[in-house]
N, C-alpha and C. Protein backbone atom coordinates (compact mmCIF):
# COMPACT_ATOMS: atom_id res chain seq x y z
N UNK A 1 -8.43 14.70 22.94
CA UNK A 1 -8.74 13.90 21.54
C UNK A 1 -7.91 12.95 21.43
N UNK A 2 -6.84 14.22 20.39
CA UNK A 2 -5.54 13.34 19.59
C UNK A 2 -4.77 13.36 20.79
N UNK A 3 -3.31 12.39 20.89
CA UNK A 3 -2.61 12.80 21.84
C UNK A 3 -1.42 13.80 20.71
N UNK A 4 -0.04 13.74 21.24
CA UNK A 4 0.38 14.65 20.64
C UNK A 4 1.12 13.71 19.10
N UNK A 5 1.25 14.63 18.25
CA UNK A 5 1.51 14.26 16.54
C UNK A 5 1.09 13.55 16.35
N UNK A 6 -0.52 13.32 16.43
CA UNK A 6 -1.12 12.62 16.12
C UNK A 6 -2.16 13.10 14.81
N UNK A 7 -2.66 12.27 13.75
CA UNK A 7 -3.40 13.09 13.09
C UNK A 7 -4.91 12.33 13.18
N UNK A 8 -6.06 12.70 12.85
CA UNK A 8 -7.34 12.33 12.51
C UNK A 8 -7.56 11.21 11.49
N UNK A 9 -7.88 9.90 11.39
CA UNK A 9 -7.53 9.04 10.45
C UNK A 9 -8.65 9.90 9.43
N UNK A 10 -9.37 11.14 9.24
CA UNK A 10 -10.00 11.35 8.60
C UNK A 10 -8.60 12.12 7.39
N UNK A 11 -8.09 12.85 8.36
CA UNK A 11 -6.83 13.58 7.46
C UNK A 11 -5.66 12.15 6.88
N UNK A 12 -5.30 11.20 7.91
CA UNK A 12 -4.88 9.81 7.26
C UNK A 12 -5.14 9.46 6.25
N UNK A 13 -6.45 9.31 5.67
CA UNK A 13 -7.23 8.99 4.77
C UNK A 13 -6.94 9.75 3.59
N UNK A 14 -7.05 10.77 3.38
CA UNK A 14 -6.58 11.95 2.62
C UNK A 14 -5.14 12.21 1.68
N UNK A 15 -4.35 11.75 2.90
CA UNK A 15 -3.02 11.64 2.88
C UNK A 15 -2.90 10.59 1.84
N UNK A 16 -3.01 9.09 2.39
CA UNK A 16 -3.13 7.78 1.59
C UNK A 16 -3.46 7.86 0.55
N UNK A 17 -4.72 8.04 0.24
CA UNK A 17 -5.40 8.66 -1.18
C UNK A 17 -4.37 9.72 -2.10
N UNK A 18 -4.04 10.59 -1.49
CA UNK A 18 -2.92 11.17 -2.61
C UNK A 18 -1.65 10.85 -2.78
N UNK A 19 -1.54 10.01 -1.85
CA UNK A 19 0.18 9.04 -1.98
C UNK A 19 -0.04 8.12 -2.79
N UNK A 20 -1.26 7.33 -2.63
CA UNK A 20 -1.61 6.31 -3.94
C UNK A 20 -1.48 6.89 -5.68
N UNK A 21 -2.35 8.15 -5.15
CA UNK A 21 -2.56 8.36 -7.09
C UNK A 21 -0.92 9.18 -7.30
N UNK A 22 -0.18 9.67 -6.38
CA UNK A 22 1.21 9.48 -6.98
C UNK A 22 2.06 8.48 -7.60
N UNK A 23 1.45 7.86 -6.40
CA UNK A 23 2.42 6.25 -7.17
C UNK A 23 2.01 5.94 -8.52
N UNK A 24 0.94 6.16 -9.01
CA UNK A 24 0.51 5.29 -10.41
C UNK A 24 -0.11 3.89 -10.07
N UNK A 25 0.65 3.29 -9.24
CA UNK A 25 0.17 1.79 -9.01
C UNK A 25 -1.54 1.73 -8.69
N UNK A 26 -1.41 2.43 -8.42
CA UNK A 26 -3.16 1.98 -7.77
C UNK A 26 -4.02 1.98 -9.01
N UNK A 27 -4.11 3.09 -9.73
CA UNK A 27 -5.05 3.43 -10.82
C UNK A 27 -5.15 2.37 -11.45
N UNK A 28 -4.38 1.60 -11.24
CA UNK A 28 -4.64 0.14 -12.82
C UNK A 28 -5.07 -0.92 -11.93
N UNK A 29 -5.61 -0.56 -10.56
CA UNK A 29 -6.26 -1.73 -9.68
C UNK A 29 -7.52 -1.19 -8.88
N UNK A 30 -8.27 -1.81 -7.92
CA UNK A 30 -8.94 -1.40 -7.38
C UNK A 30 -8.94 -1.47 -5.82
N UNK A 31 -8.05 -0.36 -4.97
CA UNK A 31 -7.50 -0.55 -3.76
C UNK A 31 -8.31 0.23 -2.65
N UNK A 32 -9.13 -0.68 -2.27
CA UNK A 32 -9.83 0.44 -0.87
C UNK A 32 -9.02 0.71 0.03
N UNK A 33 -9.12 1.56 0.88
CA UNK A 33 -8.31 1.94 2.42
C UNK A 33 -9.18 2.31 3.20
N UNK A 34 -8.76 1.84 3.98
CA UNK A 34 -9.41 2.32 5.08
C UNK A 34 -8.75 2.42 6.44
N UNK A 35 -8.82 3.55 7.50
CA UNK A 35 -8.27 3.69 8.07
C UNK A 35 -8.86 3.37 9.98
N UNK A 36 -7.90 3.13 10.93
CA UNK A 36 -8.78 3.35 12.03
C UNK A 36 -7.53 3.56 13.15
N UNK A 37 -7.44 4.50 13.79
CA UNK A 37 -6.78 4.76 14.87
C UNK A 37 -5.17 4.59 14.44
N UNK A 38 -4.55 4.70 12.64
CA UNK A 38 -3.72 4.81 12.50
C UNK A 38 -3.29 4.03 12.32
N UNK A 39 -4.01 2.99 11.98
CA UNK A 39 -4.00 1.57 11.52
C UNK A 39 -4.31 1.05 9.96
N UNK A 40 -3.99 0.97 8.99
CA UNK A 40 -4.57 1.25 7.51
C UNK A 40 -5.30 0.18 7.41
N UNK A 41 -6.03 -0.49 6.75
CA UNK A 41 -6.29 -2.07 5.73
C UNK A 41 -6.43 -1.73 4.16
N UNK A 42 -6.08 -2.86 3.64
CA UNK A 42 -6.17 -2.72 1.81
C UNK A 42 -6.85 -3.73 1.18
N UNK A 43 -7.86 -3.13 0.78
CA UNK A 43 -8.55 -4.32 0.36
C UNK A 43 -8.74 -3.88 -1.28
N UNK A 44 -9.08 -5.16 -1.89
CA UNK A 44 -9.58 -4.98 -3.53
C UNK A 44 -8.58 -5.73 -4.15
N UNK A 45 -8.64 -5.85 -5.58
CA UNK A 45 -8.32 -6.45 -6.07
C UNK A 45 -6.50 -5.53 -7.04
N UNK A 46 -5.25 -6.50 -7.42
CA UNK A 46 -4.80 -6.04 -7.95
C UNK A 46 -4.99 -6.20 -9.45
N UNK A 47 -3.93 -5.69 -10.68
CA UNK A 47 -4.07 -6.51 -11.96
C UNK A 47 -2.94 -7.15 -11.88
N UNK A 48 -1.53 -6.67 -11.50
CA UNK A 48 -0.50 -7.66 -11.58
C UNK A 48 -0.23 -7.27 -10.13
N UNK A 49 0.33 -8.73 -10.21
CA UNK A 49 1.01 -8.64 -8.50
C UNK A 49 2.56 -8.00 -8.21
N UNK A 50 2.73 -7.70 -9.34
CA UNK A 50 3.94 -6.90 -9.00
C UNK A 50 3.94 -5.18 -8.43
N UNK A 51 2.28 -4.61 -8.34
CA UNK A 51 2.10 -3.45 -7.55
C UNK A 51 1.88 -3.54 -6.45
N UNK A 52 1.66 -4.70 -5.80
CA UNK A 52 1.68 -4.99 -4.36
C UNK A 52 2.88 -4.28 -3.05
N UNK A 53 3.63 -4.37 -3.25
CA UNK A 53 5.01 -3.64 -2.70
C UNK A 53 4.88 -2.48 -2.95
N UNK A 54 5.56 -1.48 -4.11
CA UNK A 54 4.98 -0.12 -4.22
C UNK A 54 4.10 0.43 -3.55
N UNK A 55 3.14 -0.20 -3.47
CA UNK A 55 1.40 0.45 -3.18
C UNK A 55 1.64 0.77 -1.09
N UNK A 56 2.05 -0.67 -0.69
CA UNK A 56 2.12 -1.32 0.57
C UNK A 56 3.63 -0.25 1.09
N UNK A 57 4.34 -0.55 0.01
CA UNK A 57 5.34 0.97 0.96
C UNK A 57 5.10 2.32 1.02
N UNK A 58 4.42 2.84 0.01
CA UNK A 58 4.43 3.94 -0.05
C UNK A 58 3.31 4.03 1.03
N UNK A 59 2.00 3.58 1.27
CA UNK A 59 1.14 3.52 2.57
C UNK A 59 2.30 3.80 4.26
N UNK A 60 2.63 2.89 3.67
CA UNK A 60 3.67 2.34 5.04
C UNK A 60 4.59 3.49 5.81
N UNK A 61 4.74 4.37 3.92
CA UNK A 61 6.02 5.72 4.82
C UNK A 61 4.23 7.19 4.76
N UNK A 62 3.80 7.25 4.73
CA UNK A 62 2.72 8.45 5.27
C UNK A 62 2.54 8.98 6.71
N UNK A 63 2.93 10.19 7.17
CA UNK A 63 3.10 10.46 8.22
C UNK A 63 1.73 10.07 9.45
N UNK A 64 2.00 9.52 9.90
CA UNK A 64 0.64 9.12 11.02
C UNK A 64 0.28 7.44 10.59
N UNK A 65 0.69 6.99 10.10
CA UNK A 65 0.36 5.55 9.87
C UNK A 65 1.09 4.48 10.75
N UNK A 66 0.35 3.87 11.22
CA UNK A 66 1.20 2.77 12.56
C UNK A 66 1.41 1.63 11.95
N UNK A 67 0.06 1.13 11.48
CA UNK A 67 0.52 -0.10 11.11
C UNK A 67 -0.61 -0.92 8.96
N UNK A 68 0.21 -1.44 8.49
CA UNK A 68 -0.61 -1.60 7.04
C UNK A 68 -0.81 -2.81 7.19
N UNK A 69 -1.95 -3.37 6.62
CA UNK A 69 -2.55 -4.97 6.91
C UNK A 69 -2.85 -4.66 5.35
N UNK A 70 -2.31 -5.90 4.65
CA UNK A 70 -2.51 -5.78 3.30
C UNK A 70 -3.57 -7.04 2.95
N UNK A 71 -4.39 -6.36 2.62
CA UNK A 71 -5.86 -7.71 2.54
C UNK A 71 -6.03 -8.07 0.77
N UNK A 72 -5.26 -7.36 -0.46
CA UNK A 72 -5.38 -6.86 -1.38
C UNK A 72 -5.43 -8.72 -1.83
N UNK A 73 -6.04 -8.92 -3.07
CA UNK A 73 -5.55 -10.12 -3.86
C UNK A 73 -5.41 -9.76 -5.34
N UNK A 74 -4.63 -10.51 -5.62
CA UNK A 74 -4.33 -10.86 -7.21
C UNK A 74 -5.52 -11.46 -7.80
N UNK A 75 -5.75 -10.90 -8.74
CA UNK A 75 -6.63 -11.29 -9.79
C UNK A 75 -6.10 -11.60 -11.17
N UNK A 76 -5.40 -12.92 -11.74
CA UNK A 76 -5.05 -12.62 -12.73
C UNK A 76 -5.52 -12.39 -14.53
N UNK A 77 -5.31 -12.06 -15.07
CA UNK A 77 -6.47 -11.90 -16.64
C UNK A 77 -6.21 -13.41 -16.89
N UNK A 78 -7.28 -14.10 -17.82
CA UNK A 78 -7.32 -14.84 -18.81
C UNK A 78 -6.58 -15.27 -19.52
N UNK A 79 -5.44 -16.42 -19.41
CA UNK A 79 -4.32 -17.37 -19.44
C UNK A 79 -4.73 -17.39 -20.77
N UNK A 80 -3.37 -17.80 -21.63
CA UNK A 80 -3.27 -17.95 -22.93
C UNK A 80 -3.74 -19.39 -23.11
N UNK A 81 -3.34 -20.40 -22.33
CA UNK A 81 -3.51 -22.01 -22.55
C UNK A 81 -4.17 -22.35 -21.24
N UNK A 82 -5.40 -22.94 -21.83
CA UNK A 82 -5.94 -23.25 -20.55
C UNK A 82 -5.74 -24.44 -19.45
N UNK A 83 -5.87 -24.63 -18.33
CA UNK A 83 -5.04 -24.88 -17.30
C UNK A 83 -3.73 -23.94 -16.94
N UNK A 84 -3.86 -23.43 -17.42
CA UNK A 84 -2.43 -22.48 -17.50
C UNK A 84 -2.49 -22.05 -15.45
N UNK A 85 -1.50 -22.51 -14.77
CA UNK A 85 -1.41 -21.35 -13.12
C UNK A 85 -1.72 -19.92 -12.88
N UNK A 86 -1.46 -19.00 -14.32
CA UNK A 86 -2.17 -17.71 -14.05
C UNK A 86 -3.42 -18.09 -13.94
N UNK A 87 -4.29 -18.95 -14.46
CA UNK A 87 -5.66 -18.92 -14.05
C UNK A 87 -6.53 -18.82 -13.09
N UNK A 88 -4.98 -19.02 -11.69
CA UNK A 88 -5.51 -19.61 -10.82
C UNK A 88 -6.11 -18.21 -9.90
N UNK A 89 -6.86 -17.79 -8.94
CA UNK A 89 -7.21 -16.95 -8.09
C UNK A 89 -5.79 -16.76 -7.23
N UNK A 90 -4.83 -16.14 -6.63
CA UNK A 90 -4.37 -15.90 -5.78
C UNK A 90 -4.58 -16.07 -4.39
N UNK A 91 -3.73 -16.84 -3.48
CA UNK A 91 -4.98 -16.53 -2.46
C UNK A 91 -4.51 -14.64 -1.44
N UNK A 92 -5.56 -14.57 -0.71
CA UNK A 92 -5.62 -13.68 0.15
C UNK A 92 -3.71 -13.86 1.00
N UNK A 93 -2.87 -12.79 0.51
CA UNK A 93 -1.85 -12.56 1.48
C UNK A 93 -1.91 -11.40 2.78
N UNK A 94 -1.74 -11.39 4.10
CA UNK A 94 -2.29 -10.58 4.83
C UNK A 94 -0.22 -10.36 5.53
N UNK A 95 -0.34 -9.14 5.48
CA UNK A 95 0.69 -8.57 5.91
C UNK A 95 1.22 -7.63 7.06
N UNK A 96 1.52 -7.16 7.64
CA UNK A 96 1.85 -6.49 8.54
C UNK A 96 2.86 -5.80 8.42
N UNK A 97 3.10 -4.36 7.96
CA UNK A 97 3.87 -3.33 7.96
C UNK A 97 3.93 -2.11 9.46
N UNK A 98 4.86 -2.33 9.83
CA UNK A 98 4.89 -1.31 11.01
C UNK A 98 6.16 -0.34 11.01
N UNK A 99 5.41 0.57 10.46
CA UNK A 99 6.52 2.19 10.11
C UNK A 99 7.40 2.72 11.48
N UNK A 100 8.55 2.80 11.12
CA UNK A 100 9.17 3.19 12.27
C UNK A 100 10.11 4.47 11.98
N UNK A 101 9.75 4.26 10.63
CA UNK A 101 11.12 5.24 9.96
C UNK A 101 10.23 6.81 10.58
N UNK A 102 11.30 8.01 10.08
CA UNK A 102 11.12 9.19 10.06
C UNK A 102 10.02 9.69 8.50
N UNK A 103 9.22 10.30 8.18
CA UNK A 103 8.09 10.57 7.24
C UNK A 103 9.01 11.12 6.58
N UNK A 104 9.01 11.22 4.91
CA UNK A 104 9.97 11.08 3.95
C UNK A 104 9.00 12.83 3.06
N UNK A 105 9.72 13.47 2.90
CA UNK A 105 9.59 14.69 2.49
C UNK A 105 9.16 14.39 0.75
N UNK A 106 8.52 15.40 0.12
CA UNK A 106 8.36 14.51 -1.25
C UNK A 106 9.55 15.20 -1.88
N UNK A 107 10.33 16.31 -1.51
CA UNK A 107 11.58 17.00 -2.45
C UNK A 107 12.66 16.09 -1.64
N UNK A 108 12.99 14.94 -0.88
CA UNK A 108 13.70 14.36 -0.59
C UNK A 108 13.22 12.58 -1.07
N UNK A 109 14.19 11.92 -1.69
CA UNK A 109 14.10 10.66 -2.41
C UNK A 109 13.48 9.78 -1.26
N UNK A 110 12.75 8.88 -1.34
CA UNK A 110 12.60 7.86 -0.49
C UNK A 110 13.14 6.62 -0.54
N UNK A 111 13.81 5.86 -1.89
CA UNK A 111 14.20 4.73 -1.61
C UNK A 111 15.27 4.84 -1.83
N UNK A 112 15.99 5.54 -1.30
CA UNK A 112 17.65 5.70 -2.08
C UNK A 112 18.20 6.02 -0.65
N UNK A 113 19.33 4.71 -0.15
CA UNK A 113 20.03 5.04 0.49
C UNK A 113 21.35 4.36 0.21
N UNK A 114 22.53 5.08 0.72
CA UNK A 114 23.62 5.10 0.13
C UNK A 114 24.31 3.50 -0.22
N UNK A 115 25.33 3.09 -0.78
CA UNK A 115 25.53 1.77 -1.07
C UNK A 115 26.63 1.52 -0.68
N UNK A 116 27.06 0.36 -0.26
CA UNK A 116 28.66 -0.18 -0.31
C UNK A 116 28.90 -0.28 -1.59
N UNK A 117 30.39 -0.09 -1.41
CA UNK A 117 31.11 0.41 -2.37
C UNK A 117 32.26 -0.90 -2.33
């Protein structure tokens, strides 16, 4: 049923949910995850726009994830002044991320890369 080195969508969803719980950014938002043949679709709302990148990055690094489709929306809280642009609902943004890197284990830093001196 599965090719070499593939995991089931159910197991992949479990791994993704565990990774989201560890990032902490999804706990303040309502992120829904669906998986189909390694393709992950994210829907729901974000409390802060800055949450998007860490969530997408964390999921794209889960072993078995082929693509991440980001359909999450950012909904700002009430603005302090009427007519402020923060009141506007941000449009949906579609982002496809193809993960080609080797899976990162929990004991090695994921985001650190050597910096040129």
